[in-house]
Amino acid sequence: MAIEYNFDSIRIIRLCRNMSQAEFGRLVGLSRQDIRLWEGGNAPTIRNLTKIAQACGFDSLDIFFHTIKHYGNINYDLSHVSNDTREDSQ
C-alpha cells in the first residue's frame, strides 16, 4: 500500500466553506498563490498541511491523503474504506 497526497482535498475543503482562494489563504495564514498551486497539483509541505488542518479544526492530516493499494498495474483507491476490519461477534 502507498499513501498519496489527495490533490482535491484543499479545494474541496475551501469550497465547502464557500470561500475564494484569497479568503481561504487568509484563514490559514498563507497566500492565495499557495492555495492556487496546491489546488493545481503541487503538494504542500506537511507544515502547511498542519496549518490548514489547525485553521479548519481538523485533528488529523488524514483528510489530505489517499491510501492506494497496488495490484500489478491496477491501483485501487481505498480512502473511503474504514480501517476497522473487526467483525461483529454474534
PDB file of N, CA and C in Angstrom:
ATOM      1  N   MET A   1       0.833  -1.186   0.000  1.00  0.00           N
ATOM      2  CA  MET A   1       0.000   0.000   0.000  1.00  0.00           C
ATOM      3  C   MET A   1       0.874   1.244   0.000  1.00  0.00           C
ATOM      4  N   ALA A   2       0.382   2.266  -0.604  1.00  0.00           N
ATOM      5  CA  ALA A   2       1.079   3.551  -0.629  1.00  0.00           C
ATOM      6  C   ALA A   2       0.112   4.632  -0.171  1.00  0.00           C
ATOM      7  N   ILE A   3       0.664   5.670   0.385  1.00  0.00           N
ATOM      8  CA  ILE A   3      -0.147   6.815   0.779  1.00  0.00           C
ATOM      9  C   ILE A   3       0.232   7.954  -0.154  1.00  0.00           C
ATOM     10  N   GLU A   4      -0.757   8.536  -0.797  1.00  0.00           N
ATOM     11  CA  GLU A   4      -0.512   9.594  -1.761  1.00  0.00           C
ATOM     12  C   GLU A   4      -1.336  10.823  -1.398  1.00  0.00           C
ATOM     13  N   TYR A   5      -0.782  11.987  -1.700  1.00  0.00           N
ATOM     14  CA  TYR A   5      -1.474  13.252  -1.468  1.00  0.00           C
ATOM     15  C   TYR A   5      -2.725  13.330  -2.341  1.00  0.00           C
ATOM     16  N   ASN A   6      -3.841  13.744  -1.757  1.00  0.00           N
ATOM     17  CA  ASN A   6      -5.102  13.919  -2.471  1.00  0.00           C
ATOM     18  C   ASN A   6      -5.169  15.366  -2.961  1.00  0.00           C
ATOM     19  N   PHE A   7      -4.932  15.582  -4.240  1.00  0.00           N
ATOM     20  CA  PHE A   7      -4.851  16.932  -4.792  1.00  0.00           C
ATOM     21  C   PHE A   7      -6.169  17.706  -4.707  1.00  0.00           C
ATOM     22  N   ASP A   8      -7.285  17.035  -4.576  1.00  0.00           N
ATOM     23  CA  ASP A   8      -8.574  17.721  -4.496  1.00  0.00           C
ATOM     24  C   ASP A   8      -8.937  18.161  -3.077  1.00  0.00           C
ATOM     25  N   SER A   9      -8.211  17.699  -2.080  1.00  0.00           N
ATOM     26  CA  SER A   9      -8.638  17.907  -0.696  1.00  0.00           C
ATOM     27  C   SER A   9      -8.742  19.380  -0.310  1.00  0.00           C
ATOM     28  N   ILE A  10      -7.750  20.178  -0.634  1.00  0.00           N
ATOM     29  CA  ILE A  10      -7.787  21.589  -0.238  1.00  0.00           C
ATOM     30  C   ILE A  10      -8.920  22.313  -0.948  1.00  0.00           C
ATOM     31  N   ARG A  11      -9.099  22.046  -2.235  1.00  0.00           N
ATOM     32  CA  ARG A  11     -10.176  22.694  -2.988  1.00  0.00           C
ATOM     33  C   ARG A  11     -11.535  22.310  -2.410  1.00  0.00           C
ATOM     34  N   ILE A  12     -11.720  21.047  -2.081  1.00  0.00           N
ATOM     35  CA  ILE A  12     -12.997  20.587  -1.524  1.00  0.00           C
ATOM     36  C   ILE A  12     -13.267  21.260  -0.184  1.00  0.00           C
ATOM     37  N   ILE A  13     -12.258  21.313   0.684  1.00  0.00           N
ATOM     38  CA  ILE A  13     -12.419  21.969   1.986  1.00  0.00           C
ATOM     39  C   ILE A  13     -12.771  23.438   1.793  1.00  0.00           C
ATOM     40  N   ARG A  14     -12.066  24.107   0.881  1.00  0.00           N
ATOM     41  CA  ARG A  14     -12.311  25.534   0.627  1.00  0.00           C
ATOM     42  C   ARG A  14     -13.714  25.768   0.083  1.00  0.00           C
ATOM     43  N   LEU A  15     -14.135  24.947  -0.881  1.00  0.00           N
ATOM     44  CA  LEU A  15     -15.455  25.123  -1.480  1.00  0.00           C
ATOM     45  C   LEU A  15     -16.575  24.819  -0.490  1.00  0.00           C
ATOM     46  N   CYS A  16     -16.360  23.854   0.396  1.00  0.00           N
ATOM     47  CA  CYS A  16     -17.357  23.551   1.428  1.00  0.00           C
ATOM     48  C   CYS A  16     -17.539  24.731   2.378  1.00  0.00           C
ATOM     49  N   ARG A  17     -16.516  25.535   2.502  1.00  0.00           N
ATOM     50  CA  ARG A  17     -16.589  26.727   3.341  1.00  0.00           C
ATOM     51  C   ARG A  17     -17.038  27.945   2.535  1.00  0.00           C
ATOM     52  N   ASN A  18     -17.305  27.739   1.237  1.00  0.00           N
ATOM     53  CA  ASN A  18     -17.777  28.801   0.352  1.00  0.00           C
ATOM     54  C   ASN A  18     -16.815  29.996   0.360  1.00  0.00           C
ATOM     55  N   MET A  19     -15.524  29.713   0.208  1.00  0.00           N
ATOM     56  CA  MET A  19     -14.507  30.753   0.254  1.00  0.00           C
ATOM     57  C   MET A  19     -13.726  30.804  -1.053  1.00  0.00           C
ATOM     58  N   SER A  20     -13.266  32.010  -1.386  1.00  0.00           N
ATOM     59  CA  SER A  20     -12.348  32.153  -2.522  1.00  0.00           C
ATOM     60  C   SER A  20     -10.967  31.678  -2.085  1.00  0.00           C
ATOM     61  N   GLN A  21     -10.065  31.540  -3.049  1.00  0.00           N
ATOM     62  CA  GLN A  21      -8.701  31.153  -2.710  1.00  0.00           C
ATOM     63  C   GLN A  21      -8.049  32.190  -1.809  1.00  0.00           C
ATOM     64  N   ALA A  22      -8.307  33.466  -2.062  1.00  0.00           N
ATOM     65  CA  ALA A  22      -7.731  34.535  -1.242  1.00  0.00           C
ATOM     66  C   ALA A  22      -8.280  34.483   0.186  1.00  0.00           C
ATOM     67  N   GLU A  23      -9.588  34.299   0.319  1.00  0.00           N
ATOM     68  CA  GLU A  23     -10.197  34.208   1.659  1.00  0.00           C
ATOM     69  C   GLU A  23      -9.657  33.011   2.431  1.00  0.00           C
ATOM     70  N   PHE A  24      -9.558  31.872   1.738  1.00  0.00           N
ATOM     71  CA  PHE A  24      -9.059  30.672   2.388  1.00  0.00           C
ATOM     72  C   PHE A  24      -7.598  30.851   2.790  1.00  0.00           C
ATOM     73  N   GLY A  25      -6.812  31.482   1.934  1.00  0.00           N
ATOM     74  CA  GLY A  25      -5.417  31.766   2.259  1.00  0.00           C
ATOM     75  C   GLY A  25      -5.296  32.617   3.508  1.00  0.00           C
ATOM     76  N   ARG A  26      -6.138  33.638   3.619  1.00  0.00           N
ATOM     77  CA  ARG A  26      -6.114  34.487   4.821  1.00  0.00           C
ATOM     78  C   ARG A  26      -6.502  33.692   6.058  1.00  0.00           C
ATOM     79  N   LEU A  27      -7.500  32.813   5.934  1.00  0.00           N
ATOM     80  CA  LEU A  27      -7.941  31.993   7.067  1.00  0.00           C
ATOM     81  C   LEU A  27      -6.802  31.146   7.613  1.00  0.00           C
ATOM     82  N   VAL A  28      -6.039  30.544   6.738  1.00  0.00           N
ATOM     83  CA  VAL A  28      -4.988  29.624   7.177  1.00  0.00           C
ATOM     84  C   VAL A  28      -3.622  30.294   7.304  1.00  0.00           C
ATOM     85  N   GLY A  29      -3.545  31.589   6.972  1.00  0.00           N
ATOM     86  CA  GLY A  29      -2.287  32.309   7.117  1.00  0.00           C
ATOM     87  C   GLY A  29      -1.293  32.052   6.003  1.00  0.00           C
ATOM     88  N   LEU A  30      -1.809  31.769   4.812  1.00  0.00           N
ATOM     89  CA  LEU A  30      -0.966  31.504   3.651  1.00  0.00           C
ATOM     90  C   LEU A  30      -1.455  32.364   2.487  1.00  0.00           C
ATOM     91  N   SER A  31      -0.719  32.396   1.397  1.00  0.00           N
ATOM     92  CA  SER A  31      -1.089  33.259   0.272  1.00  0.00           C
ATOM     93  C   SER A  31      -2.092  32.575  -0.662  1.00  0.00           C
ATOM     94  N   ARG A  32      -2.787  33.403  -1.435  1.00  0.00           N
ATOM     95  CA  ARG A  32      -3.699  32.888  -2.458  1.00  0.00           C
ATOM     96  C   ARG A  32      -2.917  32.087  -3.485  1.00  0.00           C
ATOM     97  N   GLN A  33      -1.695  32.514  -3.775  1.00  0.00           N
ATOM     98  CA  GLN A  33      -0.863  31.804  -4.741  1.00  0.00           C
ATOM     99  C   GLN A  33      -0.533  30.392  -4.254  1.00  0.00           C
ATOM    100  N   ASP A  34      -0.277  30.253  -2.950  1.00  0.00           N
ATOM    101  CA  ASP A  34      -0.027  28.921  -2.393  1.00  0.00           C
ATOM    102  C   ASP A  34      -1.244  28.029  -2.603  1.00  0.00           C
ATOM    103  N   ILE A  35      -2.408  28.554  -2.269  1.00  0.00           N
ATOM    104  CA  ILE A  35      -3.643  27.771  -2.401  1.00  0.00           C
ATOM    105  C   ILE A  35      -3.846  27.373  -3.861  1.00  0.00           C
ATOM    106  N   ARG A  36      -3.637  28.325  -4.775  1.00  0.00           N
ATOM    107  CA  ARG A  36      -3.802  28.050  -6.211  1.00  0.00           C
ATOM    108  C   ARG A  36      -2.852  26.945  -6.675  1.00  0.00           C
ATOM    109  N   LEU A  37      -1.593  27.017  -6.252  1.00  0.00           N
ATOM    110  CA  LEU A  37      -0.614  25.995  -6.645  1.00  0.00           C
ATOM    111  C   LEU A  37      -1.016  24.616  -6.125  1.00  0.00           C
ATOM    112  N   TRP A  38      -1.447  24.547  -4.878  1.00  0.00           N
ATOM    113  CA  TRP A  38      -1.801  23.255  -4.284  1.00  0.00           C
ATOM    114  C   TRP A  38      -3.053  22.679  -4.917  1.00  0.00           C
ATOM    115  N   GLU A  39      -4.013  23.544  -5.221  1.00  0.00           N
ATOM    116  CA  GLU A  39      -5.215  23.054  -5.897  1.00  0.00           C
ATOM    117  C   GLU A  39      -4.900  22.631  -7.324  1.00  0.00           C
ATOM    118  N   GLY A  40      -3.817  23.147  -7.874  1.00  0.00           N
ATOM    119  CA  GLY A  40      -3.398  22.794  -9.229  1.00  0.00           C
ATOM    120  C   GLY A  40      -2.545  21.539  -9.314  1.00  0.00           C
ATOM    121  N   GLY A  41      -2.225  20.955  -8.172  1.00  0.00           N
ATOM    122  CA  GLY A  41      -1.496  19.694  -8.207  1.00  0.00           C
ATOM    123  C   GLY A  41      -0.158  19.675  -7.502  1.00  0.00           C
ATOM    124  N   ASN A  42       0.329  20.813  -7.032  1.00  0.00           N
ATOM    125  CA  ASN A  42       1.580  20.828  -6.265  1.00  0.00           C
ATOM    126  C   ASN A  42       1.275  20.459  -4.820  1.00  0.00           C
ATOM    127  N   ALA A  43       2.013  19.518  -4.285  1.00  0.00           N
ATOM    128  CA  ALA A  43       1.768  19.079  -2.908  1.00  0.00           C
ATOM    129  C   ALA A  43       2.391  20.056  -1.913  1.00  0.00           C
ATOM    130  N   PRO A  44       1.610  20.510  -0.933  1.00  0.00           N
ATOM    131  CA  PRO A  44       2.169  21.376   0.111  1.00  0.00           C
ATOM    132  C   PRO A  44       3.031  20.577   1.081  1.00  0.00           C
ATOM    133  N   THR A  45       3.796  21.282   1.871  1.00  0.00           N
ATOM    134  CA  THR A  45       4.595  20.627   2.897  1.00  0.00           C
ATOM    135  C   THR A  45       3.682  20.159   4.034  1.00  0.00           C
ATOM    136  N   ILE A  46       4.175  19.239   4.825  1.00  0.00           N
ATOM    137  CA  ILE A  46       3.419  18.780   5.999  1.00  0.00           C
ATOM    138  C   ILE A  46       3.159  19.964   6.937  1.00  0.00           C
ATOM    139  N   ARG A  47       4.123  20.862   7.050  1.00  0.00           N
ATOM    140  CA  ARG A  47       3.943  22.053   7.896  1.00  0.00           C
ATOM    141  C   ARG A  47       2.747  22.879   7.432  1.00  0.00           C
ATOM    142  N   ASN A  48       2.626  23.089   6.112  1.00  0.00           N
ATOM    143  CA  ASN A  48       1.492  23.863   5.595  1.00  0.00           C
ATOM    144  C   ASN A  48       0.180  23.091   5.703  1.00  0.00           C
ATOM    145  N   LEU A  49       0.219  21.779   5.513  1.00  0.00           N
ATOM    146  CA  LEU A  49      -0.989  20.978   5.726  1.00  0.00           C
ATOM    147  C   LEU A  49      -1.436  21.073   7.183  1.00  0.00           C
ATOM    148  N   THR A  50      -0.481  21.110   8.089  1.00  0.00           N
ATOM    149  CA  THR A  50      -0.804  21.248   9.505  1.00  0.00           C
ATOM    150  C   THR A  50      -1.464  22.596   9.778  1.00  0.00           C
ATOM    151  N   LYS A  51      -0.982  23.667   9.150  1.00  0.00           N
ATOM    152  CA  LYS A  51      -1.598  24.995   9.295  1.00  0.00           C
ATOM    153  C   LYS A  51      -3.052  24.962   8.828  1.00  0.00           C
ATOM    154  N   ILE A  52      -3.275  24.332   7.675  1.00  0.00           N
ATOM    155  CA  ILE A  52      -4.637  24.247   7.142  1.00  0.00           C
ATOM    156  C   ILE A  52      -5.527  23.439   8.078  1.00  0.00           C
ATOM    157  N   ALA A  53      -5.030  22.297   8.527  1.00  0.00           N
ATOM    158  CA  ALA A  53      -5.813  21.436   9.424  1.00  0.00           C
ATOM    159  C   ALA A  53      -6.165  22.170  10.709  1.00  0.00           C
ATOM    160  N   GLN A  54      -5.213  22.868  11.306  1.00  0.00           N
ATOM    161  CA  GLN A  54      -5.469  23.590  12.548  1.00  0.00           C
ATOM    162  C   GLN A  54      -6.478  24.711  12.340  1.00  0.00           C
ATOM    163  N   ALA A  55      -6.335  25.463  11.246  1.00  0.00           N
ATOM    164  CA  ALA A  55      -7.252  26.568  10.972  1.00  0.00           C
ATOM    165  C   ALA A  55      -8.671  26.083  10.719  1.00  0.00           C
ATOM    166  N   CYS A  56      -8.803  24.863  10.183  1.00  0.00           N
ATOM    167  CA  CYS A  56     -10.124  24.308   9.862  1.00  0.00           C
ATOM    168  C   CYS A  56     -10.670  23.410  10.971  1.00  0.00           C
ATOM    169  N   GLY A  57      -9.896  23.205  12.028  1.00  0.00           N
ATOM    170  CA  GLY A  57     -10.371  22.419  13.157  1.00  0.00           C
ATOM    171  C   GLY A  57     -10.259  20.917  12.998  1.00  0.00           C
ATOM    172  N   PHE A  58      -9.368  20.446  12.115  1.00  0.00           N
ATOM    173  CA  PHE A  58      -9.170  19.011  11.930  1.00  0.00           C
ATOM    174  C   PHE A  58      -8.146  18.495  12.935  1.00  0.00           C
ATOM    175  N   ASP A  59      -8.386  17.319  13.485  1.00  0.00           N
ATOM    176  CA  ASP A  59      -7.464  16.702  14.433  1.00  0.00           C
ATOM    177  C   ASP A  59      -6.404  15.855  13.744  1.00  0.00           C
ATOM    178  N   SER A  60      -6.560  15.624  12.455  1.00  0.00           N
ATOM    179  CA  SER A  60      -5.685  14.708  11.738  1.00  0.00           C
ATOM    180  C   SER A  60      -5.393  15.258  10.347  1.00  0.00           C
ATOM    181  N   LEU A  61      -4.290  14.818   9.763  1.00  0.00           N
ATOM    182  CA  LEU A  61      -3.963  15.180   8.384  1.00  0.00           C
ATOM    183  C   LEU A  61      -4.502  14.165   7.385  1.00  0.00           C
ATOM    184  N   ASP A  62      -5.210  13.134   7.869  1.00  0.00           N
ATOM    185  CA  ASP A  62      -5.687  12.057   7.002  1.00  0.00           C
ATOM    186  C   ASP A  62      -6.551  12.553   5.848  1.00  0.00           C
ATOM    187  N   ILE A  63      -7.287  13.631   6.047  1.00  0.00           N
ATOM    188  CA  ILE A  63      -8.181  14.140   5.006  1.00  0.00           C
ATOM    189  C   ILE A  63      -7.415  14.533   3.743  1.00  0.00           C
ATOM    190  N   PHE A  64      -6.126  14.778   3.858  1.00  0.00           N
ATOM    191  CA  PHE A  64      -5.323  15.220   2.722  1.00  0.00           C
ATOM    192  C   PHE A  64      -4.703  14.079   1.920  1.00  0.00           C
ATOM    193  N   PHE A  65      -4.938  12.837   2.342  1.00  0.00           N
ATOM    194  CA  PHE A  65      -4.248  11.715   1.708  1.00  0.00           C
ATOM    195  C   PHE A  65      -5.212  10.606   1.297  1.00  0.00           C
ATOM    196  N   HIS A  66      -4.811   9.844   0.285  1.00  0.00           N
ATOM    197  CA  HIS A  66      -5.484   8.629  -0.166  1.00  0.00           C
ATOM    198  C   HIS A  66      -4.601   7.451   0.219  1.00  0.00           C
ATOM    199  N   THR A  67      -5.219   6.342   0.537  1.00  0.00           N
ATOM    200  CA  THR A  67      -4.475   5.095   0.668  1.00  0.00           C
ATOM    201  C   THR A  67      -4.696   4.313  -0.615  1.00  0.00           C
ATOM    202  N   ILE A  68      -3.623   3.983  -1.279  1.00  0.00           N
ATOM    203  CA  ILE A  68      -3.688   3.292  -2.567  1.00  0.00           C
ATOM    204  C   ILE A  68      -3.098   1.905  -2.391  1.00  0.00           C
ATOM    205  N   LYS A  69      -3.827   0.883  -2.836  1.00  0.00           N
ATOM    206  CA  LYS A  69      -3.303  -0.476  -2.827  1.00  0.00           C
ATOM    207  C   LYS A  69      -2.988  -0.844  -4.269  1.00  0.00           C
ATOM    208  N   HIS A  70      -1.793  -1.314  -4.502  1.00  0.00           N
ATOM    209  CA  HIS A  70      -1.341  -1.629  -5.851  1.00  0.00           C
ATOM    210  C   HIS A  70      -1.488  -3.124  -6.130  1.00  0.00           C
ATOM    211  N   TYR A  71      -2.135  -3.457  -7.226  1.00  0.00           N
ATOM    212  CA  TYR A  71      -2.262  -4.839  -7.702  1.00  0.00           C
ATOM    213  C   TYR A  71      -1.744  -4.864  -9.127  1.00  0.00           C
ATOM    214  N   GLY A  72      -0.483  -5.201  -9.293  1.00  0.00           N
ATOM    215  CA  GLY A  72       0.088  -5.193 -10.644  1.00  0.00           C
ATOM    216  C   GLY A  72       0.052  -3.791 -11.207  1.00  0.00           C
ATOM    217  N   ASN A  73      -0.611  -3.617 -12.333  1.00  0.00           N
ATOM    218  CA  ASN A  73      -0.716  -2.299 -12.957  1.00  0.00           C
ATOM    219  C   ASN A  73      -1.993  -1.573 -12.570  1.00  0.00           C
ATOM    220  N   ILE A  74      -2.753  -2.115 -11.630  1.00  0.00           N
ATOM    221  CA  ILE A  74      -4.036  -1.519 -11.250  1.00  0.00           C
ATOM    222  C   ILE A  74      -3.911  -0.916  -9.853  1.00  0.00           C
ATOM    223  N   ASN A  75      -4.387   0.294  -9.691  1.00  0.00           N
ATOM    224  CA  ASN A  75      -4.411   0.954  -8.389  1.00  0.00           C
ATOM    225  C   ASN A  75      -5.851   1.031  -7.901  1.00  0.00           C
ATOM    226  N   TYR A  76      -6.063   0.670  -6.653  1.00  0.00           N
ATOM    227  CA  TYR A  76      -7.381   0.785  -6.044  1.00  0.00           C
ATOM    228  C   TYR A  76      -7.323   1.841  -4.964  1.00  0.00           C
ATOM    229  N   ASP A  77      -8.194   2.828  -5.064  1.00  0.00           N
ATOM    230  CA  ASP A  77      -8.268   3.883  -4.063  1.00  0.00           C
ATOM    231  C   ASP A  77      -9.091   3.362  -2.899  1.00  0.00           C
ATOM    232  N   LEU A  78      -8.471   3.236  -1.743  1.00  0.00           N
ATOM    233  CA  LEU A  78      -9.138   2.701  -0.561  1.00  0.00           C
ATOM    234  C   LEU A  78      -9.418   3.788   0.471  1.00  0.00           C
ATOM    235  N   SER A  79      -9.377   5.049   0.088  1.00  0.00           N
ATOM    236  CA  SER A  79      -9.534   6.126   1.059  1.00  0.00           C
ATOM    237  C   SER A  79     -10.916   6.148   1.693  1.00  0.00           C
ATOM    238  N   HIS A  80     -11.897   5.560   1.036  1.00  0.00           N
ATOM    239  CA  HIS A  80     -13.265   5.561   1.568  1.00  0.00           C
ATOM    240  C   HIS A  80     -13.540   4.351   2.464  1.00  0.00           C
ATOM    241  N   VAL A  81     -12.605   3.418   2.538  1.00  0.00           N
ATOM    242  CA  VAL A  81     -12.805   2.190   3.289  1.00  0.00           C
ATOM    243  C   VAL A  81     -12.384   2.398   4.735  1.00  0.00           C
ATOM    244  N   SER A  82     -13.199   1.932   5.655  1.00  0.00           N
ATOM    245  CA  SER A  82     -12.887   2.048   7.073  1.00  0.00           C
ATOM    246  C   SER A  82     -11.670   1.216   7.417  1.00  0.00           C
ATOM    247  N   ASN A  83     -10.860   1.720   8.334  1.00  0.00           N
ATOM    248  CA  ASN A  83      -9.702   0.966   8.813  1.00  0.00           C
ATOM    249  C   ASN A  83     -10.109  -0.114   9.806  1.00  0.00           C
ATOM    250  N   ASP A  84     -11.335  -0.080  10.272  1.00  0.00           N
ATOM    251  CA  ASP A  84     -11.813  -1.043  11.267  1.00  0.00           C
ATOM    252  C   ASP A  84     -12.241  -2.305  10.534  1.00  0.00           C
ATOM    253  N   THR A  85     -11.463  -3.367  10.665  1.00  0.00           N
ATOM    254  CA  THR A  85     -11.756  -4.618   9.964  1.00  0.00           C
ATOM    255  C   THR A  85     -12.330  -5.678  10.888  1.00  0.00           C
ATOM    256  N   ARG A  86     -12.656  -5.302  12.124  1.00  0.00           N
ATOM    257  CA  ARG A  86     -13.208  -6.274  13.070  1.00  0.00           C
ATOM    258  C   ARG A  86     -14.596  -6.708  12.622  1.00  0.00           C
ATOM    259  N   GLU A  87     -14.897  -7.967  12.827  1.00  0.00           N
ATOM    260  CA  GLU A  87     -16.238  -8.473  12.525  1.00  0.00           C
ATOM    261  C   GLU A  87     -17.047  -8.461  13.797  1.00  0.00           C
ATOM    262  N   ASP A  88     -18.339  -8.217  13.661  1.00  0.00           N
ATOM    263  CA  ASP A  88     -19.221  -8.256  14.821  1.00  0.00           C
ATOM    264  C   ASP A  88     -19.364  -9.706  15.273  1.00  0.00           C
ATOM    265  N   SER A  89     -19.236  -9.948  16.549  1.00  0.00           N
ATOM    266  CA  SER A  89     -19.420 -11.315  17.061  1.00  0.00           C
ATOM    267  C   SER A  89     -20.827 -11.451  17.591  1.00  0.00           C
ATOM    268  N   GLN A  90     -21.600 -12.311  16.957  1.00  0.00           N
ATOM    269  CA  GLN A  90     -22.996 -12.522  17.365  1.00  0.00           C
ATOM    270  C   GLN A  90     -23.269 -13.973  17.523  1.00  0.00           C
TER     271      GLN A  90
END
